[in-house]
Amino acid sequence: MPELPEVETIRRDLAKKILRKKITRVEVKKARLIKSGVAEFQKIITGNRFKSINRIGKLLYLELPKDRWLLVHLKMTGQLIYQTGKKIIAGGHSYSSMDFILPGKYTYVIFTFAGGGQLFFNDMRTFGYMQLVDIAQLKNILSTYGIEPLQKNFSLKNFRNALDKRKTSVKAVLLNQKIFAGIGNIYADEICFYAAVKPSRPVTSLTAIEIKKLRRGAEVIIKKSIQERGTTFNSFRDGEGKKGNFIKYLKVFQRNGQQCLRCRRGIIQKIRLAGRGTHFCPHCQA
């Protein structure tokens, strides 16, 4: 699943391609991916232009005229692809090489722009969605998200308050989008490693110094990952179809069975925690 750095990379790249271009046609091939209803979806978007493309956590929201907004969530396997002529830029999950014919087997929404460019929404497992909302609905949705690394609200005070009295593990609280927006499985493991905190630790057991390290780790790791255009394994491609380079900087995620790069004494373990595969060093994470 694309996390904050990957979705931010997609946002930046697509902003260069689709903004202020007139949308001449909207095709929907799987109605259940459109939460707001297909007829209204097509009527409101056709003939209009996207004015801006924004993000909170892993959610994209694109501005339309008259205080309407298009929400886009890629979930596990969603992909946004913009094609003009023979040139393709893509972000999200990649099913095969970048030279596949579009629309493809898993293409469910197509936006056609004046001048011939097209934006495709693909989703192999169909967990993603698009939804039209008004400004009041948008504000309500945005209010459900927690504080986000690199934003002004991600202060030490707010971070500490977000953890206060949480009766769960550190990993679980980092994954909770209502508490911390945009942090997913990859970066939660890396943040815990940065802070030398075992992901299974109860939040209530954290010291003031550990809390400070966790916050700092979130900022450092998310910032670096955005700079490197996200993390690529077998599936993620950024908005230009390129692999994210942050995989080179991973210390624990998917390194189970390998020697710890920090202490050189522990062997990275993988356990099931908060419903996700979780990686840590049993020697230097306490």
C-alpha atoms as a PDB file:
ATOM      1  CA  MET A   1       0.000   0.000   0.000  1.00  0.00           C
ATOM      2  CA  PRO A   2       1.359   3.449  -0.863  1.00  0.00           C
ATOM      3  CA  GLU A   3       1.987   5.396   2.349  1.00  0.00           C
ATOM      4  CA  LEU A   4       2.474   9.124   2.953  1.00  0.00           C
ATOM      5  CA  PRO A   5       5.769   9.502   1.007  1.00  0.00           C
ATOM      6  CA  GLU A   6       4.500   7.533  -1.981  1.00  0.00           C
ATOM      7  CA  VAL A   7       1.176   9.390  -2.162  1.00  0.00           C
ATOM      8  CA  GLU A   8       2.932  12.745  -1.785  1.00  0.00           C
ATOM      9  CA  THR A   9       5.235  11.818  -4.672  1.00  0.00           C
ATOM     10  CA  ILE A  10       2.231  10.932  -6.834  1.00  0.00           C
ATOM     11  CA  ARG A  11       0.525  14.198  -5.885  1.00  0.00           C
ATOM     12  CA  ARG A  12       3.500  16.312  -6.897  1.00  0.00           C
ATOM     13  CA  ASP A  13       3.984  14.551 -10.211  1.00  0.00           C
ATOM     14  CA  LEU A  14       0.333  14.522 -11.278  1.00  0.00           C
ATOM     15  CA  ALA A  15      -0.024  18.211 -10.371  1.00  0.00           C
ATOM     16  CA  LYS A  16       2.330  18.949 -13.256  1.00  0.00           C
ATOM     17  CA  LYS A  17       0.138  17.052 -15.724  1.00  0.00           C
ATOM     18  CA  ILE A  18      -3.576  17.286 -14.989  1.00  0.00           C
ATOM     19  CA  LEU A  19      -4.320  20.647 -13.369  1.00  0.00           C
ATOM     20  CA  ARG A  20      -6.393  23.214 -15.298  1.00  0.00           C
ATOM     21  CA  LYS A  21      -6.988  20.827 -18.203  1.00  0.00           C
ATOM     22  CA  LYS A  22     -10.621  20.523 -19.290  1.00  0.00           C
ATOM     23  CA  ILE A  23     -12.117  17.091 -18.638  1.00  0.00           C
ATOM     24  CA  THR A  24     -14.170  16.139 -21.686  1.00  0.00           C
ATOM     25  CA  ARG A  25     -15.279  12.644 -20.689  1.00  0.00           C
ATOM     26  CA  VAL A  26     -15.523  10.430 -17.605  1.00  0.00           C
ATOM     27  CA  GLU A  27     -15.959   6.670 -18.002  1.00  0.00           C
ATOM     28  CA  VAL A  28     -16.783   4.396 -15.071  1.00  0.00           C
ATOM     29  CA  LYS A  29     -16.465   0.638 -15.545  1.00  0.00           C
ATOM     30  CA  LYS A  30     -17.018  -0.499 -11.962  1.00  0.00           C
ATOM     31  CA  ALA A  31     -19.672   1.492 -10.144  1.00  0.00           C
ATOM     32  CA  ARG A  32     -18.837   0.310  -6.626  1.00  0.00           C
ATOM     33  CA  LEU A  33     -15.506   2.145  -6.726  1.00  0.00           C
ATOM     34  CA  ILE A  34     -17.457   5.425  -6.906  1.00  0.00           C
ATOM     35  CA  LYS A  35     -18.871   6.108  -3.452  1.00  0.00           C
ATOM     36  CA  SER A  36     -20.895   9.169  -4.465  1.00  0.00           C
ATOM     37  CA  GLY A  37     -22.859   7.533  -7.304  1.00  0.00           C
ATOM     38  CA  VAL A  38     -21.846   7.261 -10.947  1.00  0.00           C
ATOM     39  CA  ALA A  39     -24.404   9.618 -12.535  1.00  0.00           C
ATOM     40  CA  GLU A  40     -23.548  12.564 -10.271  1.00  0.00           C
ATOM     41  CA  PHE A  41     -19.852  11.730 -10.529  1.00  0.00           C
ATOM     42  CA  GLN A  42     -19.872  11.984 -14.319  1.00  0.00           C
ATOM     43  CA  LYS A  43     -22.171  15.007 -14.465  1.00  0.00           C
ATOM     44  CA  ILE A  44     -20.164  17.164 -12.058  1.00  0.00           C
ATOM     45  CA  ILE A  45     -16.687  16.308 -13.337  1.00  0.00           C
ATOM     46  CA  THR A  46     -17.320  16.343 -17.106  1.00  0.00           C
ATOM     47  CA  GLY A  47     -16.584  19.775 -18.573  1.00  0.00           C
ATOM     48  CA  ASN A  48     -14.719  20.952 -15.489  1.00  0.00           C
ATOM     49  CA  ARG A  49     -11.039  21.198 -14.517  1.00  0.00           C
ATOM     50  CA  PHE A  50      -9.076  20.145 -11.462  1.00  0.00           C
ATOM     51  CA  LYS A  51      -7.880  23.343  -9.786  1.00  0.00           C
ATOM     52  CA  SER A  52      -5.516  21.753  -7.255  1.00  0.00           C
ATOM     53  CA  ILE A  53      -4.456  18.352  -5.972  1.00  0.00           C
ATOM     54  CA  ASN A  54      -3.924  17.995  -2.235  1.00  0.00           C
ATOM     55  CA  ARG A  55      -3.190  15.275   0.295  1.00  0.00           C
ATOM     56  CA  ILE A  56      -3.732  14.357   3.911  1.00  0.00           C
ATOM     57  CA  GLY A  57      -2.206  11.111   5.096  1.00  0.00           C
ATOM     58  CA  LYS A  58      -2.731   8.613   2.271  1.00  0.00           C
ATOM     59  CA  LEU A  59      -5.799  10.413   0.875  1.00  0.00           C
ATOM     60  CA  LEU A  60      -5.696  12.615  -2.236  1.00  0.00           C
ATOM     61  CA  TYR A  61      -8.331  15.309  -2.689  1.00  0.00           C
ATOM     62  CA  LEU A  62      -8.656  17.210  -5.945  1.00  0.00           C
ATOM     63  CA  GLU A  63     -10.378  20.588  -6.117  1.00  0.00           C
ATOM     64  CA  LEU A  64     -13.184  21.188  -8.619  1.00  0.00           C
ATOM     65  CA  PRO A  65     -15.202  24.400  -9.199  1.00  0.00           C
ATOM     66  CA  LYS A  66     -18.101  25.366  -6.917  1.00  0.00           C
ATOM     67  CA  ASP A  67     -16.582  23.889  -3.751  1.00  0.00           C
ATOM     68  CA  ARG A  68     -16.661  20.311  -4.968  1.00  0.00           C
ATOM     69  CA  TRP A  69     -13.809  17.906  -4.276  1.00  0.00           C
ATOM     70  CA  LEU A  70     -12.813  14.515  -5.635  1.00  0.00           C
ATOM     71  CA  LEU A  71     -11.398  12.118  -3.043  1.00  0.00           C
ATOM     72  CA  VAL A  72      -9.048   9.382  -4.268  1.00  0.00           C
ATOM     73  CA  HIS A  73      -7.712   6.592  -2.073  1.00  0.00           C
ATOM     74  CA  LEU A  74      -5.442   3.963  -3.639  1.00  0.00           C
ATOM     75  CA  LYS A  75      -5.710   1.540  -0.696  1.00  0.00           C
ATOM     76  CA  MET A  76      -3.765  -1.699  -1.413  1.00  0.00           C
ATOM     77  CA  THR A  77      -3.439  -1.905  -5.203  1.00  0.00           C
ATOM     78  CA  GLY A  78      -4.794   1.332  -6.674  1.00  0.00           C
ATOM     79  CA  GLN A  79      -2.885   3.094  -9.412  1.00  0.00           C
ATOM     80  CA  LEU A  80      -3.202   6.463 -11.145  1.00  0.00           C
ATOM     81  CA  ILE A  81      -1.763   6.614 -14.658  1.00  0.00           C
ATOM     82  CA  TYR A  82      -1.662   9.659 -16.920  1.00  0.00           C
ATOM     83  CA  GLN A  83      -1.046   8.975 -20.592  1.00  0.00           C
ATOM     84  CA  THR A  84      -0.605  11.400 -23.448  1.00  0.00           C
ATOM     85  CA  GLY A  85       0.516   9.982 -26.762  1.00  0.00           C
ATOM     86  CA  LYS A  86       3.186   7.382 -26.029  1.00  0.00           C
ATOM     87  CA  LYS A  87       4.241   8.983 -22.754  1.00  0.00           C
ATOM     88  CA  ILE A  88       3.012   7.443 -19.507  1.00  0.00           C
ATOM     89  CA  ILE A  89       3.442   8.581 -15.927  1.00  0.00           C
ATOM     90  CA  ALA A  90       2.105   6.347 -13.184  1.00  0.00           C
ATOM     91  CA  GLY A  91       1.837   6.192  -9.438  1.00  0.00           C
ATOM     92  CA  GLY A  92       0.785   3.476  -7.039  1.00  0.00           C
ATOM     93  CA  HIS A  93       0.750  -0.258  -7.541  1.00  0.00           C
ATOM     94  CA  SER A  94       2.374  -1.614 -10.716  1.00  0.00           C
ATOM     95  CA  TYR A  95       1.123  -4.938 -12.013  1.00  0.00           C
ATOM     96  CA  SER A  96       3.761  -5.465 -14.708  1.00  0.00           C
ATOM     97  CA  SER A  97       6.084  -3.398 -16.889  1.00  0.00           C
ATOM     98  CA  MET A  98       5.223   0.222 -17.684  1.00  0.00           C
ATOM     99  CA  ASP A  99       4.558  -0.451 -21.359  1.00  0.00           C
ATOM    100  CA  PHE A 100       1.237  -2.263 -20.966  1.00  0.00           C
ATOM    101  CA  ILE A 101      -1.682  -1.227 -23.145  1.00  0.00           C
ATOM    102  CA  LEU A 102      -4.230   1.147 -21.606  1.00  0.00           C
ATOM    103  CA  PRO A 103      -6.987   0.818 -20.643  1.00  0.00           C
ATOM    104  CA  GLY A 104      -6.023  -2.460 -19.011  1.00  0.00           C
ATOM    105  CA  LYS A 105      -7.810  -5.370 -17.363  1.00  0.00           C
ATOM    106  CA  TYR A 106      -8.037  -3.512 -14.054  1.00  0.00           C
ATOM    107  CA  THR A 107      -8.891  -0.040 -15.406  1.00  0.00           C
ATOM    108  CA  TYR A 108     -12.173   1.075 -13.844  1.00  0.00           C
ATOM    109  CA  VAL A 109     -12.277   4.872 -14.238  1.00  0.00           C
ATOM    110  CA  ILE A 110     -10.987   6.958 -17.166  1.00  0.00           C
ATOM    111  CA  PHE A 111     -10.793  10.759 -17.316  1.00  0.00           C
ATOM    112  CA  THR A 112     -10.227  12.151 -20.820  1.00  0.00           C
ATOM    113  CA  PHE A 113      -8.785  15.657 -21.117  1.00  0.00           C
ATOM    114  CA  ALA A 114      -8.969  18.183 -23.933  1.00  0.00           C
ATOM    115  CA  GLY A 115      -5.897  17.639 -26.061  1.00  0.00           C
ATOM    116  CA  GLY A 116      -6.032  13.875 -25.767  1.00  0.00           C
ATOM    117  CA  GLY A 117      -4.456  13.112 -22.382  1.00  0.00           C
ATOM    118  CA  GLN A 118      -6.137  10.506 -20.177  1.00  0.00           C
ATOM    119  CA  LEU A 119      -5.996   9.681 -16.472  1.00  0.00           C
ATOM    120  CA  PHE A 120      -6.665   6.026 -15.620  1.00  0.00           C
ATOM    121  CA  PHE A 121      -7.643   4.660 -12.222  1.00  0.00           C
ATOM    122  CA  ASN A 122      -6.643   0.998 -12.011  1.00  0.00           C
ATOM    123  CA  ASP A 123      -7.209  -1.274  -9.032  1.00  0.00           C
ATOM    124  CA  MET A 124      -6.531  -5.007  -9.141  1.00  0.00           C
ATOM    125  CA  ARG A 125      -8.148  -5.809  -5.777  1.00  0.00           C
ATOM    126  CA  THR A 126     -10.748  -3.003  -5.959  1.00  0.00           C
ATOM    127  CA  PHE A 127     -10.230  -1.751  -2.397  1.00  0.00           C
ATOM    128  CA  GLY A 128      -9.583   1.810  -3.579  1.00  0.00           C
ATOM    129  CA  TYR A 129     -12.278   4.377  -4.191  1.00  0.00           C
ATOM    130  CA  MET A 130     -13.234   7.765  -5.599  1.00  0.00           C
ATOM    131  CA  GLN A 131     -15.842  10.026  -4.048  1.00  0.00           C
ATOM    132  CA  LEU A 132     -17.273  13.468  -4.750  1.00  0.00           C
ATOM    133  CA  VAL A 133     -17.856  15.626  -1.681  1.00  0.00           C
ATOM    134  CA  ASP A 134     -18.765  19.228  -0.941  1.00  0.00           C
ATOM    135  CA  ILE A 135     -16.658  21.521   1.229  1.00  0.00           C
ATOM    136  CA  ALA A 136     -18.558  20.668   4.425  1.00  0.00           C
ATOM    137  CA  GLN A 137     -18.095  16.939   3.852  1.00  0.00           C
ATOM    138  CA  LEU A 138     -14.421  17.470   3.038  1.00  0.00           C
ATOM    139  CA  LYS A 139     -13.793  19.380   6.248  1.00  0.00           C
ATOM    140  CA  ASN A 140     -15.526  16.657   8.232  1.00  0.00           C
ATOM    141  CA  ILE A 141     -13.399  13.938   6.605  1.00  0.00           C
ATOM    142  CA  LEU A 142     -10.154  15.868   7.073  1.00  0.00           C
ATOM    143  CA  SER A 143     -11.005  16.388  10.737  1.00  0.00           C
ATOM    144  CA  THR A 144     -10.908  12.623  11.317  1.00  0.00           C
ATOM    145  CA  TYR A 145      -7.185  12.457  10.523  1.00  0.00           C
ATOM    146  CA  GLY A 146      -4.513  12.791  13.167  1.00  0.00           C
ATOM    147  CA  ILE A 147      -1.378  14.897  13.195  1.00  0.00           C
ATOM    148  CA  GLU A 148       1.035  14.361  10.317  1.00  0.00           C
ATOM    149  CA  PRO A 149       4.846  14.267  10.156  1.00  0.00           C
ATOM    150  CA  LEU A 150       6.401  17.412   8.638  1.00  0.00           C
ATOM    151  CA  GLN A 151       3.268  19.489   9.249  1.00  0.00           C
ATOM    152  CA  LYS A 152       3.097  22.341  11.771  1.00  0.00           C
ATOM    153  CA  ASN A 153       0.790  20.357  14.047  1.00  0.00           C
ATOM    154  CA  PHE A 154       3.441  17.641  14.503  1.00  0.00           C
ATOM    155  CA  SER A 155       5.002  19.336  17.516  1.00  0.00           C
ATOM    156  CA  LEU A 156       6.498  17.451  20.443  1.00  0.00           C
ATOM    157  CA  LYS A 157       3.632  18.660  22.627  1.00  0.00           C
ATOM    158  CA  ASN A 158       0.979  17.415  20.193  1.00  0.00           C
ATOM    159  CA  PHE A 159       2.869  14.156  19.653  1.00  0.00           C
ATOM    160  CA  ARG A 160       3.051  13.566  23.393  1.00  0.00           C
ATOM    161  CA  ASN A 161      -0.639  14.405  23.804  1.00  0.00           C
ATOM    162  CA  ALA A 162      -1.563  12.014  20.978  1.00  0.00           C
ATOM    163  CA  LEU A 163       0.137   9.177  22.861  1.00  0.00           C
ATOM    164  CA  ASP A 164      -1.293  10.073  26.248  1.00  0.00           C
ATOM    165  CA  LYS A 165      -3.201   7.234  27.940  1.00  0.00           C
ATOM    166  CA  ARG A 166      -3.214   5.025  24.828  1.00  0.00           C
ATOM    167  CA  LYS A 167      -3.710   1.431  25.968  1.00  0.00           C
ATOM    168  CA  THR A 168      -2.099  -0.221  22.959  1.00  0.00           C
ATOM    169  CA  SER A 169       1.287  -1.032  21.429  1.00  0.00           C
ATOM    170  CA  VAL A 170       3.559   1.576  19.894  1.00  0.00           C
ATOM    171  CA  LYS A 171       3.148  -0.051  16.461  1.00  0.00           C
ATOM    172  CA  ALA A 172      -0.648   0.012  16.690  1.00  0.00           C
ATOM    173  CA  VAL A 173      -0.792   3.670  17.645  1.00  0.00           C
ATOM    174  CA  LEU A 174       1.580   4.673  14.837  1.00  0.00           C
ATOM    175  CA  LEU A 175      -0.678   2.900  12.328  1.00  0.00           C
ATOM    176  CA  ASN A 176      -3.851   4.572  13.599  1.00  0.00           C
ATOM    177  CA  GLN A 177      -4.713   7.224  10.996  1.00  0.00           C
ATOM    178  CA  LYS A 178      -6.940   9.042  13.481  1.00  0.00           C
ATOM    179  CA  ILE A 179      -3.855   9.612  15.637  1.00  0.00           C
ATOM    180  CA  PHE A 180      -0.994   9.869  13.123  1.00  0.00           C
ATOM    181  CA  ALA A 181      -1.916  10.487   9.481  1.00  0.00           C
ATOM    182  CA  GLY A 182       0.006   8.797   6.698  1.00  0.00           C
ATOM    183  CA  ILE A 183       2.239   6.395   8.630  1.00  0.00           C
ATOM    184  CA  GLY A 184       1.854   2.834   7.380  1.00  0.00           C
ATOM    185  CA  ASN A 185       3.501  -0.503   8.035  1.00  0.00           C
ATOM    186  CA  ILE A 186       6.886   0.184   6.444  1.00  0.00           C
ATOM    187  CA  TYR A 187       7.527   3.477   8.159  1.00  0.00           C
ATOM    188  CA  ALA A 188       6.090   2.418  11.536  1.00  0.00           C
ATOM    189  CA  ASP A 189       8.738  -0.320  11.744  1.00  0.00           C
ATOM    190  CA  GLU A 190      11.508   2.048  10.653  1.00  0.00           C
ATOM    191  CA  ILE A 191      10.422   4.742  13.133  1.00  0.00           C
ATOM    192  CA  CYS A 192      10.489   2.245  16.007  1.00  0.00           C
ATOM    193  CA  PHE A 193      13.968   1.119  14.972  1.00  0.00           C
ATOM    194  CA  TYR A 194      15.202   4.715  14.787  1.00  0.00           C
ATOM    195  CA  ALA A 195      14.006   5.267  18.359  1.00  0.00           C
ATOM    196  CA  ALA A 196      15.386   1.884  19.560  1.00  0.00           C
ATOM    197  CA  VAL A 197      11.887   0.994  20.762  1.00  0.00           C
ATOM    198  CA  LYS A 198      10.383  -2.468  20.310  1.00  0.00           C
ATOM    199  CA  PRO A 199       7.114  -2.101  18.313  1.00  0.00           C
ATOM    200  CA  SER A 200       5.231  -4.300  20.787  1.00  0.00           C
ATOM    201  CA  ARG A 201       5.987  -2.028  23.745  1.00  0.00           C
ATOM    202  CA  PRO A 202       2.909  -0.591  25.475  1.00  0.00           C
ATOM    203  CA  VAL A 203       2.618   3.128  24.794  1.00  0.00           C
ATOM    204  CA  THR A 204       2.226   3.721  28.528  1.00  0.00           C
ATOM    205  CA  SER A 205       5.734   2.314  29.125  1.00  0.00           C
ATOM    206  CA  LEU A 206       7.509   4.918  26.975  1.00  0.00           C
ATOM    207  CA  THR A 207       9.886   7.363  28.616  1.00  0.00           C
ATOM    208  CA  ALA A 208      10.024  11.056  27.749  1.00  0.00           C
ATOM    209  CA  ILE A 209      13.270  10.488  25.855  1.00  0.00           C
ATOM    210  CA  GLU A 210      11.780   7.604  23.848  1.00  0.00           C
ATOM    211  CA  ILE A 211       8.749   9.709  22.922  1.00  0.00           C
ATOM    212  CA  LYS A 212      11.056  12.447  21.700  1.00  0.00           C
ATOM    213  CA  LYS A 213      13.044   9.932  19.637  1.00  0.00           C
ATOM    214  CA  LEU A 214       9.899   8.460  18.084  1.00  0.00           C
ATOM    215  CA  ARG A 215       8.706  11.875  16.977  1.00  0.00           C
ATOM    216  CA  ARG A 216      12.112  12.773  15.600  1.00  0.00           C
ATOM    217  CA  GLY A 217      12.290   9.429  13.815  1.00  0.00           C
ATOM    218  CA  ALA A 218       8.949  10.042  12.120  1.00  0.00           C
ATOM    219  CA  GLU A 219      10.144  13.400  10.807  1.00  0.00           C
ATOM    220  CA  VAL A 220      13.562  12.190   9.646  1.00  0.00           C
ATOM    221  CA  ILE A 221      12.319   9.013   7.965  1.00  0.00           C
ATOM    222  CA  ILE A 222       9.270  10.513   6.241  1.00  0.00           C
ATOM    223  CA  LYS A 223      11.299  13.481   4.976  1.00  0.00           C
ATOM    224  CA  LYS A 224      14.042  11.240   3.606  1.00  0.00           C
ATOM    225  CA  SER A 225      11.556   8.903   1.959  1.00  0.00           C
ATOM    226  CA  ILE A 226       9.833  11.785   0.163  1.00  0.00           C
ATOM    227  CA  GLN A 227      13.232  12.956  -1.061  1.00  0.00           C
ATOM    228  CA  GLU A 228      13.869   9.446  -2.388  1.00  0.00           C
ATOM    229  CA  ARG A 229      10.402   9.256  -4.021  1.00  0.00           C
ATOM    230  CA  GLY A 230       9.127   6.570  -1.675  1.00  0.00           C
ATOM    231  CA  THR A 231       9.909   2.896  -1.161  1.00  0.00           C
ATOM    232  CA  THR A 232       9.777   0.263  -3.903  1.00  0.00           C
ATOM    233  CA  PHE A 233       9.518  -3.486  -3.497  1.00  0.00           C
ATOM    234  CA  ASN A 234       7.685  -5.329  -6.272  1.00  0.00           C
ATOM    235  CA  SER A 235       4.688  -3.067  -6.583  1.00  0.00           C
ATOM    236  CA  PHE A 236       5.149   0.663  -6.012  1.00  0.00           C
ATOM    237  CA  ARG A 237       5.926   3.057  -8.843  1.00  0.00           C
ATOM    238  CA  ASP A 238       5.881   6.823  -8.416  1.00  0.00           C
ATOM    239  CA  GLY A 239       4.165   9.425 -10.586  1.00  0.00           C
ATOM    240  CA  GLU A 240       6.729   9.089 -13.366  1.00  0.00           C
ATOM    241  CA  GLY A 241       6.772   5.307 -13.351  1.00  0.00           C
ATOM    242  CA  LYS A 242      10.089   5.285 -11.466  1.00  0.00           C
ATOM    243  CA  LYS A 243      10.919   3.115  -8.486  1.00  0.00           C
ATOM    244  CA  GLY A 244      11.226   4.791  -5.114  1.00  0.00           C
ATOM    245  CA  ASN A 245      14.757   4.672  -3.756  1.00  0.00           C
ATOM    246  CA  PHE A 246      14.092   4.598   0.005  1.00  0.00           C
ATOM    247  CA  ILE A 247      14.390   0.801  -0.016  1.00  0.00           C
ATOM    248  CA  LYS A 248      18.163   1.378   0.112  1.00  0.00           C
ATOM    249  CA  TYR A 249      17.769   3.025   3.532  1.00  0.00           C
ATOM    250  CA  LEU A 250      15.508   0.456   5.215  1.00  0.00           C
ATOM    251  CA  LYS A 251      17.009  -0.877   8.449  1.00  0.00           C
ATOM    252  CA  VAL A 252      14.482  -3.520   9.486  1.00  0.00           C
ATOM    253  CA  PHE A 253      11.478  -3.759   7.165  1.00  0.00           C
ATOM    254  CA  GLN A 254      11.582  -7.046   5.205  1.00  0.00           C
ATOM    255  CA  ARG A 255      15.081  -7.759   6.552  1.00  0.00           C
ATOM    256  CA  ASN A 256      13.950 -10.623   8.807  1.00  0.00           C
ATOM    257  CA  GLY A 257      16.672 -13.217   9.298  1.00  0.00           C
ATOM    258  CA  GLN A 258      19.435 -10.729   8.531  1.00  0.00           C
ATOM    259  CA  GLN A 259      21.994  -9.141  10.843  1.00  0.00           C
ATOM    260  CA  CYS A 260      21.038  -5.830  12.444  1.00  0.00           C
ATOM    261  CA  LEU A 261      22.778  -2.979  10.654  1.00  0.00           C
ATOM    262  CA  ARG A 262      23.119  -0.970  13.866  1.00  0.00           C
ATOM    263  CA  CYS A 263      24.286  -3.274  16.643  1.00  0.00           C
ATOM    264  CA  ARG A 264      25.628  -6.084  14.417  1.00  0.00           C
ATOM    265  CA  ARG A 265      24.636  -8.527  17.150  1.00  0.00           C
ATOM    266  CA  GLY A 266      20.916  -9.037  16.740  1.00  0.00           C
ATOM    267  CA  ILE A 267      19.080 -10.864  13.945  1.00  0.00           C
ATOM    268  CA  ILE A 268      16.022  -9.044  12.603  1.00  0.00           C
ATOM    269  CA  GLN A 269      12.840 -10.831  13.619  1.00  0.00           C
ATOM    270  CA  LYS A 270       9.375 -10.728  12.096  1.00  0.00           C
ATOM    271  CA  ILE A 271       6.206 -11.127  14.146  1.00  0.00           C
ATOM    272  CA  ARG A 272       2.499 -10.445  13.694  1.00  0.00           C
ATOM    273  CA  LEU A 273       1.467  -7.268  15.517  1.00  0.00           C
ATOM    274  CA  ALA A 274      -1.519  -4.947  15.076  1.00  0.00           C
ATOM    275  CA  GLY A 275      -2.588  -7.202  12.217  1.00  0.00           C
ATOM    276  CA  ARG A 276       0.599  -6.544  10.244  1.00  0.00           C
ATOM    277  CA  GLY A 277       3.973  -8.152   9.685  1.00  0.00           C
ATOM    278  CA  THR A 278       6.341  -6.338  12.051  1.00  0.00           C
ATOM    279  CA  HIS A 279      10.141  -6.218  11.941  1.00  0.00           C
ATOM    280  CA  PHE A 280      12.568  -5.355  14.742  1.00  0.00           C
ATOM    281  CA  CYS A 281      15.962  -6.130  16.272  1.00  0.00           C
ATOM    282  CA  PRO A 282      15.548  -8.020  19.581  1.00  0.00           C
ATOM    283  CA  HIS A 283      18.978  -6.874  20.734  1.00  0.00           C
ATOM    284  CA  CYS A 284      18.982  -3.091  20.312  1.00  0.00           C
ATOM    285  CA  GLN A 285      15.237  -2.339  20.453  1.00  0.00           C
ATOM    286  CA  ALA A 286      14.054  -2.440  24.046  1.00  0.00           C
END
